[in-house]
Amino acid sequence: MKCCKPSFSISKRTPLTSFSQVKGILLIWILLVTTSVTAHAETADNPCNVSGFAHQTWNETTQFGHGLKAVPRAVIRPRSLIWELPILAATGVMIAKVDRPADRRIQSRSLQQTASLWSNVGLGMELGSGALGYGVGCGHHHSYLRDTGFKALAAMGAAGTVDLGLKLAFDREFPTTGNGAGKFWSGGRSFPSGHAATSFAFAAVVAHRYPHNRWLKWSAYALATGVSLSRYPAKKHFPSDILMGATLGYVTGAYLGDH
């Protein structure tokens, strides 16, 4: 009797690990490294040791939870509707008239690869900057820099979490799925853009923590804009995905940066 060896095949089209997973792993790795590097702090209540880091994480999580509870009331305030309605209108127009024609214009494979690489590199720079600010602030006893770095990472994590919830809720097709129609509730995670959400969360924290440093503030926004817009030529997201992701990130970062 001949015994047939089981064969296993992996489709080349399906990556074993998506970049979203890599992004989460990278963020956790950075937090662990910065915690271990600064764990030599002398006092138990120092925000730079393990217990202090955990306490600060809990505080930021609680603060963000309070912000989520206030969302229903905040969205209907007149001062909020002034900017909410135009963004919602622009998103609707993009979904109806802009997304598909814009997506068809991107045909260059090399452009897609370059744009995708740039967006990932830019996001890595933001994660690294937040971790560096936290580590340097701890090492040089610069509490404001330390807290800024921590808040930037916390805002990126919070925006990414909310973004994931919206992705699951809207279930929109990616531009490369099917005929590129971008249908909602059709099996996808395109809306909103996670890169745009996390990037603008980082930029908003930096801008709100250093409002008088124009160079730093506009550099952070320029990097976030570059990361976000590059998702369009990379054919990872539609323009409306990017707009909504950037809005989500800005609101999250501005809130945590101010509180």
C-alpha atoms as a PDB file:
ATOM      1  CA  MET A   1       0.000   0.000   0.000  1.00  0.00           C
ATOM      2  CA  LYS A   2       1.394   3.351  -1.023  1.00  0.00           C
ATOM      3  CA  CYS A   3       1.092   6.186   1.421  1.00  0.00           C
ATOM      4  CA  CYS A   4       0.516   9.567  -0.017  1.00  0.00           C
ATOM      5  CA  LYS A   5       2.165  12.462   1.743  1.00  0.00           C
ATOM      6  CA  PRO A   6      -0.210  15.272   2.530  1.00  0.00           C
ATOM      7  CA  SER A   7       0.482  18.353   0.483  1.00  0.00           C
ATOM      8  CA  PHE A   8      -0.005  21.865   1.653  1.00  0.00           C
ATOM      9  CA  SER A   9      -0.185  24.847  -0.609  1.00  0.00           C
ATOM     10  CA  ILE A  10      -0.293  28.495   0.236  1.00  0.00           C
ATOM     11  CA  SER A  11      -1.823  30.902  -2.211  1.00  0.00           C
ATOM     12  CA  LYS A  12       0.560  33.637  -3.267  1.00  0.00           C
ATOM     13  CA  ARG A  13      -2.283  36.086  -3.256  1.00  0.00           C
ATOM     14  CA  THR A  14      -2.966  35.762   0.444  1.00  0.00           C
ATOM     15  CA  PRO A  15      -0.198  37.066   2.710  1.00  0.00           C
ATOM     16  CA  LEU A  16       0.325  35.201   5.939  1.00  0.00           C
ATOM     17  CA  THR A  17       0.472  38.420   7.916  1.00  0.00           C
ATOM     18  CA  SER A  18      -1.241  41.640   6.910  1.00  0.00           C
ATOM     19  CA  PHE A  19       0.456  44.977   7.516  1.00  0.00           C
ATOM     20  CA  SER A  20      -2.257  45.866  10.009  1.00  0.00           C
ATOM     21  CA  GLN A  21      -1.052  42.968  12.133  1.00  0.00           C
ATOM     22  CA  VAL A  22       2.565  44.009  11.653  1.00  0.00           C
ATOM     23  CA  LYS A  23       1.661  47.555  12.660  1.00  0.00           C
ATOM     24  CA  GLY A  24       0.075  46.339  15.879  1.00  0.00           C
ATOM     25  CA  ILE A  25       3.007  44.070  16.660  1.00  0.00           C
ATOM     26  CA  LEU A  26       5.443  46.910  15.961  1.00  0.00           C
ATOM     27  CA  LEU A  27       3.586  49.280  18.280  1.00  0.00           C
ATOM     28  CA  ILE A  28       3.544  46.709  21.082  1.00  0.00           C
ATOM     29  CA  TRP A  29       7.246  46.015  20.535  1.00  0.00           C
ATOM     30  CA  ILE A  30       8.116  49.706  20.750  1.00  0.00           C
ATOM     31  CA  LEU A  31       6.130  50.116  23.965  1.00  0.00           C
ATOM     32  CA  LEU A  32       7.818  47.086  25.517  1.00  0.00           C
ATOM     33  CA  VAL A  33      11.279  48.270  24.523  1.00  0.00           C
ATOM     34  CA  THR A  34      10.773  51.786  25.847  1.00  0.00           C
ATOM     35  CA  THR A  35       9.358  50.353  29.048  1.00  0.00           C
ATOM     36  CA  SER A  36      12.310  48.023  29.587  1.00  0.00           C
ATOM     37  CA  VAL A  37      14.837  50.760  28.800  1.00  0.00           C
ATOM     38  CA  THR A  38      13.324  53.126  31.343  1.00  0.00           C
ATOM     39  CA  ALA A  39      12.457  50.529  33.965  1.00  0.00           C
ATOM     40  CA  HIS A  40      15.579  51.430  35.959  1.00  0.00           C
ATOM     41  CA  ALA A  41      13.849  54.505  37.407  1.00  0.00           C
ATOM     42  CA  GLU A  42      14.472  54.804  41.111  1.00  0.00           C
ATOM     43  CA  THR A  43      11.059  55.724  42.536  1.00  0.00           C
ATOM     44  CA  ALA A  44       8.058  53.471  42.344  1.00  0.00           C
ATOM     45  CA  ASP A  45       5.742  56.303  41.345  1.00  0.00           C
ATOM     46  CA  ASN A  46       7.965  57.438  38.447  1.00  0.00           C
ATOM     47  CA  PRO A  47       5.978  57.397  35.163  1.00  0.00           C
ATOM     48  CA  CYS A  48       9.001  55.866  33.444  1.00  0.00           C
ATOM     49  CA  ASN A  49       9.082  52.558  35.287  1.00  0.00           C
ATOM     50  CA  VAL A  50       6.815  49.620  34.584  1.00  0.00           C
ATOM     51  CA  SER A  51       4.171  50.442  37.195  1.00  0.00           C
ATOM     52  CA  GLY A  52       4.189  54.112  36.215  1.00  0.00           C
ATOM     53  CA  PHE A  53       3.858  53.221  32.554  1.00  0.00           C
ATOM     54  CA  ALA A  54       0.894  50.964  33.315  1.00  0.00           C
ATOM     55  CA  HIS A  55      -0.714  53.689  35.423  1.00  0.00           C
ATOM     56  CA  GLN A  56      -0.287  56.243  32.642  1.00  0.00           C
ATOM     57  CA  THR A  57      -1.727  53.804  30.123  1.00  0.00           C
ATOM     58  CA  TRP A  58      -4.763  53.296  32.331  1.00  0.00           C
ATOM     59  CA  ASN A  59      -5.223  57.061  32.702  1.00  0.00           C
ATOM     60  CA  GLU A  60      -5.120  57.631  28.947  1.00  0.00           C
ATOM     61  CA  THR A  61      -7.517  54.742  28.334  1.00  0.00           C
ATOM     62  CA  THR A  62      -9.941  56.102  30.918  1.00  0.00           C
ATOM     63  CA  GLN A  63      -9.707  59.590  29.457  1.00  0.00           C
ATOM     64  CA  PHE A  64     -10.417  58.266  25.989  1.00  0.00           C
ATOM     65  CA  GLY A  65     -13.382  56.318  27.362  1.00  0.00           C
ATOM     66  CA  HIS A  66     -14.819  59.531  28.788  1.00  0.00           C
ATOM     67  CA  GLY A  67     -14.392  61.119  25.381  1.00  0.00           C
ATOM     68  CA  LEU A  68     -16.296  58.311  23.680  1.00  0.00           C
ATOM     69  CA  LYS A  69     -19.155  58.696  26.146  1.00  0.00           C
ATOM     70  CA  ALA A  70     -19.390  62.390  25.286  1.00  0.00           C
ATOM     71  CA  VAL A  71     -19.547  61.780  21.529  1.00  0.00           C
ATOM     72  CA  PRO A  72     -23.384  61.613  21.218  1.00  0.00           C
ATOM     73  CA  ARG A  73     -23.753  65.054  22.801  1.00  0.00           C
ATOM     74  CA  ALA A  74     -20.713  66.563  21.129  1.00  0.00           C
ATOM     75  CA  VAL A  75     -21.715  65.692  17.560  1.00  0.00           C
ATOM     76  CA  ILE A  76     -24.957  67.680  17.708  1.00  0.00           C
ATOM     77  CA  ARG A  77     -23.449  70.882  19.084  1.00  0.00           C
ATOM     78  CA  PRO A  78     -23.685  73.798  16.638  1.00  0.00           C
ATOM     79  CA  ARG A  79     -19.937  74.452  16.751  1.00  0.00           C
ATOM     80  CA  SER A  80     -19.321  70.807  15.880  1.00  0.00           C
ATOM     81  CA  LEU A  81     -21.873  70.711  13.068  1.00  0.00           C
ATOM     82  CA  ILE A  82     -20.083  73.607  11.393  1.00  0.00           C
ATOM     83  CA  TRP A  83     -17.238  71.289  10.372  1.00  0.00           C
ATOM     84  CA  GLU A  84     -18.971  67.908  10.615  1.00  0.00           C
ATOM     85  CA  LEU A  85     -21.600  68.581   7.944  1.00  0.00           C
ATOM     86  CA  PRO A  86     -19.127  69.751   5.248  1.00  0.00           C
ATOM     87  CA  ILE A  87     -16.911  66.715   5.850  1.00  0.00           C
ATOM     88  CA  LEU A  88     -19.875  64.334   5.708  1.00  0.00           C
ATOM     89  CA  ALA A  89     -21.093  66.021   2.531  1.00  0.00           C
ATOM     90  CA  ALA A  90     -17.641  65.808   0.963  1.00  0.00           C
ATOM     91  CA  THR A  91     -17.385  62.135   1.920  1.00  0.00           C
ATOM     92  CA  GLY A  92     -20.771  61.409   0.348  1.00  0.00           C
ATOM     93  CA  VAL A  93     -19.816  63.181  -2.879  1.00  0.00           C
ATOM     94  CA  MET A  94     -16.537  61.295  -3.016  1.00  0.00           C
ATOM     95  CA  ILE A  95     -18.236  57.942  -2.549  1.00  0.00           C
ATOM     96  CA  ALA A  96     -20.818  58.713  -5.229  1.00  0.00           C
ATOM     97  CA  LYS A  97     -18.761  60.575  -7.833  1.00  0.00           C
ATOM     98  CA  VAL A  98     -15.032  60.532  -7.134  1.00  0.00           C
ATOM     99  CA  ASP A  99     -13.802  57.229  -5.712  1.00  0.00           C
ATOM    100  CA  ARG A 100     -14.205  54.934  -8.711  1.00  0.00           C
ATOM    101  CA  PRO A 101     -13.024  57.357 -11.439  1.00  0.00           C
ATOM    102  CA  ALA A 102     -10.034  58.319  -9.298  1.00  0.00           C
ATOM    103  CA  ASP A 103      -9.133  54.704  -8.676  1.00  0.00           C
ATOM    104  CA  ARG A 104      -9.194  53.881 -12.404  1.00  0.00           C
ATOM    105  CA  ARG A 105      -6.516  56.502 -13.060  1.00  0.00           C
ATOM    106  CA  ILE A 106      -3.917  54.557 -11.086  1.00  0.00           C
ATOM    107  CA  GLN A 107      -2.492  51.947 -13.456  1.00  0.00           C
ATOM    108  CA  SER A 108       1.265  52.001 -12.789  1.00  0.00           C
ATOM    109  CA  ARG A 109       2.375  49.006 -10.761  1.00  0.00           C
ATOM    110  CA  SER A 110       5.649  50.662  -9.779  1.00  0.00           C
ATOM    111  CA  LEU A 111       3.776  53.733  -8.522  1.00  0.00           C
ATOM    112  CA  GLN A 112       1.567  51.541  -6.375  1.00  0.00           C
ATOM    113  CA  GLN A 113       4.550  49.783  -4.838  1.00  0.00           C
ATOM    114  CA  THR A 114       6.432  53.027  -4.198  1.00  0.00           C
ATOM    115  CA  ALA A 115       3.412  54.716  -2.622  1.00  0.00           C
ATOM    116  CA  SER A 116       2.712  51.709  -0.421  1.00  0.00           C
ATOM    117  CA  LEU A 117       6.329  51.613   0.747  1.00  0.00           C
ATOM    118  CA  TRP A 118       6.326  55.338   1.523  1.00  0.00           C
ATOM    119  CA  SER A 119       3.136  55.135   3.552  1.00  0.00           C
ATOM    120  CA  ASN A 120       4.548  52.293   5.668  1.00  0.00           C
ATOM    121  CA  VAL A 121       7.882  54.062   6.162  1.00  0.00           C
ATOM    122  CA  GLY A 122       6.127  57.277   7.147  1.00  0.00           C
ATOM    123  CA  LEU A 123       3.951  55.476   9.667  1.00  0.00           C
ATOM    124  CA  GLY A 124       7.035  53.807  11.102  1.00  0.00           C
ATOM    125  CA  MET A 125       8.665  57.225  11.482  1.00  0.00           C
ATOM    126  CA  GLU A 126       5.673  58.423  13.491  1.00  0.00           C
ATOM    127  CA  LEU A 127       5.726  55.385  15.765  1.00  0.00           C
ATOM    128  CA  GLY A 128       9.462  55.725  16.219  1.00  0.00           C
ATOM    129  CA  SER A 129       9.197  59.450  16.953  1.00  0.00           C
ATOM    130  CA  GLY A 130       6.597  58.863  19.643  1.00  0.00           C
ATOM    131  CA  ALA A 131       8.685  56.143  21.268  1.00  0.00           C
ATOM    132  CA  LEU A 132      11.843  58.250  20.995  1.00  0.00           C
ATOM    133  CA  GLY A 133      10.135  61.234  22.608  1.00  0.00           C
ATOM    134  CA  TYR A 134       8.970  59.056  25.479  1.00  0.00           C
ATOM    135  CA  GLY A 135      12.376  57.431  25.954  1.00  0.00           C
ATOM    136  CA  VAL A 136      14.381  60.653  25.726  1.00  0.00           C
ATOM    137  CA  GLY A 137      11.940  62.435  28.013  1.00  0.00           C
ATOM    138  CA  CYS A 138      12.384  59.710  30.605  1.00  0.00           C
ATOM    139  CA  GLY A 139      16.147  59.622  30.237  1.00  0.00           C
ATOM    140  CA  HIS A 140      16.572  63.389  30.583  1.00  0.00           C
ATOM    141  CA  HIS A 141      13.751  63.898  33.116  1.00  0.00           C
ATOM    142  CA  HIS A 142      11.827  66.025  30.611  1.00  0.00           C
ATOM    143  CA  SER A 143       8.250  65.349  31.694  1.00  0.00           C
ATOM    144  CA  TYR A 144       6.568  67.349  28.925  1.00  0.00           C
ATOM    145  CA  LEU A 145       8.456  65.560  26.151  1.00  0.00           C
ATOM    146  CA  ARG A 146       7.870  62.230  27.860  1.00  0.00           C
ATOM    147  CA  ASP A 147       4.126  62.816  28.122  1.00  0.00           C
ATOM    148  CA  THR A 148       3.947  64.049  24.518  1.00  0.00           C
ATOM    149  CA  GLY A 149       5.580  60.888  23.239  1.00  0.00           C
ATOM    150  CA  PHE A 150       3.288  58.737  25.323  1.00  0.00           C
ATOM    151  CA  LYS A 151       0.174  60.644  24.293  1.00  0.00           C
ATOM    152  CA  ALA A 152       1.160  60.358  20.625  1.00  0.00           C
ATOM    153  CA  LEU A 153       1.437  56.579  20.893  1.00  0.00           C
ATOM    154  CA  ALA A 154      -1.771  56.383  22.917  1.00  0.00           C
ATOM    155  CA  ALA A 155      -3.646  58.491  20.372  1.00  0.00           C
ATOM    156  CA  MET A 156      -2.402  56.291  17.526  1.00  0.00           C
ATOM    157  CA  GLY A 157      -3.561  53.204  19.392  1.00  0.00           C
ATOM    158  CA  ALA A 158      -6.947  54.742  20.211  1.00  0.00           C
ATOM    159  CA  ALA A 159      -7.533  55.959  16.652  1.00  0.00           C
ATOM    160  CA  GLY A 160      -6.507  52.568  15.293  1.00  0.00           C
ATOM    161  CA  THR A 161      -8.945  50.822  17.628  1.00  0.00           C
ATOM    162  CA  VAL A 162     -11.890  53.012  16.639  1.00  0.00           C
ATOM    163  CA  ASP A 163     -10.877  52.715  12.998  1.00  0.00           C
ATOM    164  CA  LEU A 164     -10.958  48.932  13.232  1.00  0.00           C
ATOM    165  CA  GLY A 165     -14.457  49.070  14.710  1.00  0.00           C
ATOM    166  CA  LEU A 166     -15.642  51.248  11.816  1.00  0.00           C
ATOM    167  CA  LYS A 167     -13.975  48.959   9.296  1.00  0.00           C
ATOM    168  CA  LEU A 168     -15.901  46.014  10.695  1.00  0.00           C
ATOM    169  CA  ALA A 169     -19.128  48.024  10.735  1.00  0.00           C
ATOM    170  CA  PHE A 170     -18.951  49.371   7.151  1.00  0.00           C
ATOM    171  CA  ASP A 171     -17.244  46.312   5.630  1.00  0.00           C
ATOM    172  CA  ARG A 172     -16.256  48.146   2.442  1.00  0.00           C
ATOM    173  CA  GLU A 173     -14.418  46.483  -0.427  1.00  0.00           C
ATOM    174  CA  PHE A 174     -10.835  47.507  -1.166  1.00  0.00           C
ATOM    175  CA  PRO A 175     -10.075  49.189  -4.509  1.00  0.00           C
ATOM    176  CA  THR A 176      -8.375  46.004  -5.698  1.00  0.00           C
ATOM    177  CA  THR A 177     -11.357  43.792  -4.843  1.00  0.00           C
ATOM    178  CA  GLY A 178     -13.543  42.670  -7.738  1.00  0.00           C
ATOM    179  CA  ASN A 179     -14.171  45.439 -10.251  1.00  0.00           C
ATOM    180  CA  GLY A 180     -13.126  48.156  -7.815  1.00  0.00           C
ATOM    181  CA  ALA A 181     -16.687  49.253  -7.071  1.00  0.00           C
ATOM    182  CA  GLY A 182     -15.921  49.789  -3.385  1.00  0.00           C
ATOM    183  CA  LYS A 183     -19.256  48.435  -2.219  1.00  0.00           C
ATOM    184  CA  PHE A 184     -20.157  48.623   1.443  1.00  0.00           C
ATOM    185  CA  TRP A 185     -21.060  45.522   3.483  1.00  0.00           C
ATOM    186  CA  SER A 186     -19.452  43.343   0.853  1.00  0.00           C
ATOM    187  CA  GLY A 187     -16.461  41.885   2.641  1.00  0.00           C
ATOM    188  CA  GLY A 188     -13.616  44.334   3.099  1.00  0.00           C
ATOM    189  CA  ARG A 189     -11.833  46.674   5.489  1.00  0.00           C
ATOM    190  CA  SER A 190     -11.314  49.734   3.313  1.00  0.00           C
ATOM    191  CA  PHE A 191     -13.397  52.386   5.122  1.00  0.00           C
ATOM    192  CA  PRO A 192     -11.898  54.332   6.833  1.00  0.00           C
ATOM    193  CA  SER A 193      -8.137  54.352   6.241  1.00  0.00           C
ATOM    194  CA  GLY A 194      -6.155  53.130   9.232  1.00  0.00           C
ATOM    195  CA  HIS A 195      -2.948  54.800   8.070  1.00  0.00           C
ATOM    196  CA  ALA A 196      -4.717  58.154   7.811  1.00  0.00           C
ATOM    197  CA  ALA A 197      -6.343  57.736  11.224  1.00  0.00           C
ATOM    198  CA  THR A 198      -3.181  56.826  13.108  1.00  0.00           C
ATOM    199  CA  SER A 199      -1.006  59.362  11.261  1.00  0.00           C
ATOM    200  CA  PHE A 200      -3.277  62.312  11.930  1.00  0.00           C
ATOM    201  CA  ALA A 201      -3.735  61.200  15.533  1.00  0.00           C
ATOM    202  CA  PHE A 202       0.034  61.476  15.946  1.00  0.00           C
ATOM    203  CA  ALA A 203       0.192  64.853  14.178  1.00  0.00           C
ATOM    204  CA  ALA A 204      -2.692  66.324  16.166  1.00  0.00           C
ATOM    205  CA  VAL A 205      -1.080  65.421  19.490  1.00  0.00           C
ATOM    206  CA  VAL A 206       2.220  67.004  18.449  1.00  0.00           C
ATOM    207  CA  ALA A 207       0.471  70.124  17.135  1.00  0.00           C
ATOM    208  CA  HIS A 208      -1.654  70.592  20.238  1.00  0.00           C
ATOM    209  CA  ARG A 209       1.236  69.960  22.612  1.00  0.00           C
ATOM    210  CA  TYR A 210       3.543  72.373  20.765  1.00  0.00           C
ATOM    211  CA  PRO A 211       1.180  75.000  19.310  1.00  0.00           C
ATOM    212  CA  HIS A 212       3.828  77.714  19.102  1.00  0.00           C
ATOM    213  CA  ASN A 213       6.471  75.600  17.384  1.00  0.00           C
ATOM    214  CA  ARG A 214       5.353  76.084  13.779  1.00  0.00           C
ATOM    215  CA  TRP A 215       8.161  74.044  12.281  1.00  0.00           C
ATOM    216  CA  LEU A 216       7.381  71.009  14.424  1.00  0.00           C
ATOM    217  CA  LYS A 217       3.621  71.384  14.094  1.00  0.00           C
ATOM    218  CA  TRP A 218       3.504  71.692  10.314  1.00  0.00           C
ATOM    219  CA  SER A 219       6.160  69.030   9.834  1.00  0.00           C
ATOM    220  CA  ALA A 220       3.969  66.574  11.745  1.00  0.00           C
ATOM    221  CA  TYR A 221       0.936  67.492   9.636  1.00  0.00           C
ATOM    222  CA  ALA A 222       2.981  67.302   6.427  1.00  0.00           C
ATOM    223  CA  LEU A 223       4.175  63.795   7.310  1.00  0.00           C
ATOM    224  CA  ALA A 224       0.629  62.705   8.197  1.00  0.00           C
ATOM    225  CA  THR A 225      -0.680  64.149   4.926  1.00  0.00           C
ATOM    226  CA  GLY A 226       1.995  62.358   2.929  1.00  0.00           C
ATOM    227  CA  VAL A 227       1.301  59.039   4.628  1.00  0.00           C
ATOM    228  CA  SER A 228      -2.451  59.418   4.158  1.00  0.00           C
ATOM    229  CA  LEU A 229      -2.487  60.577   0.542  1.00  0.00           C
ATOM    230  CA  SER A 230      -0.034  57.893  -0.518  1.00  0.00           C
ATOM    231  CA  ARG A 231      -2.670  55.263   0.264  1.00  0.00           C
ATOM    232  CA  TYR A 232      -4.564  56.437  -2.834  1.00  0.00           C
ATOM    233  CA  PRO A 233      -1.864  55.810  -5.485  1.00  0.00           C
ATOM    234  CA  ALA A 234      -0.976  52.625  -3.599  1.00  0.00           C
ATOM    235  CA  LYS A 235      -4.552  51.469  -4.355  1.00  0.00           C
ATOM    236  CA  LYS A 236      -5.042  50.592  -0.700  1.00  0.00           C
ATOM    237  CA  HIS A 237      -7.931  53.009  -0.143  1.00  0.00           C
ATOM    238  CA  PHE A 238     -10.394  55.252  -1.918  1.00  0.00           C
ATOM    239  CA  PRO A 239     -10.188  59.044  -1.402  1.00  0.00           C
ATOM    240  CA  SER A 240     -13.265  58.992   0.841  1.00  0.00           C
ATOM    241  CA  ASP A 241     -11.615  56.378   3.072  1.00  0.00           C
ATOM    242  CA  ILE A 242      -8.632  58.675   3.516  1.00  0.00           C
ATOM    243  CA  LEU A 243     -10.734  61.750   4.307  1.00  0.00           C
ATOM    244  CA  MET A 244     -12.754  59.973   6.958  1.00  0.00           C
ATOM    245  CA  GLY A 245      -9.687  58.300   8.455  1.00  0.00           C
ATOM    246  CA  ALA A 246      -7.830  61.614   8.682  1.00  0.00           C
ATOM    247  CA  THR A 247     -10.827  63.225  10.369  1.00  0.00           C
ATOM    248  CA  LEU A 248     -11.080  60.423  12.895  1.00  0.00           C
ATOM    249  CA  GLY A 249      -7.371  60.636  13.650  1.00  0.00           C
ATOM    250  CA  TYR A 250      -7.358  64.401  14.042  1.00  0.00           C
ATOM    251  CA  VAL A 251     -10.305  64.397  16.452  1.00  0.00           C
ATOM    252  CA  THR A 252      -8.750  61.605  18.533  1.00  0.00           C
ATOM    253  CA  GLY A 253      -5.325  63.220  18.679  1.00  0.00           C
ATOM    254  CA  ALA A 254      -6.687  66.690  19.420  1.00  0.00           C
ATOM    255  CA  TYR A 255      -8.783  65.344  22.284  1.00  0.00           C
ATOM    256  CA  LEU A 256      -5.995  63.363  23.946  1.00  0.00           C
ATOM    257  CA  GLY A 257      -3.477  66.121  23.272  1.00  0.00           C
ATOM    258  CA  ASP A 258      -5.616  68.689  25.086  1.00  0.00           C
ATOM    259  CA  HIS A 259      -6.572  66.498  28.042  1.00  0.00           C
END
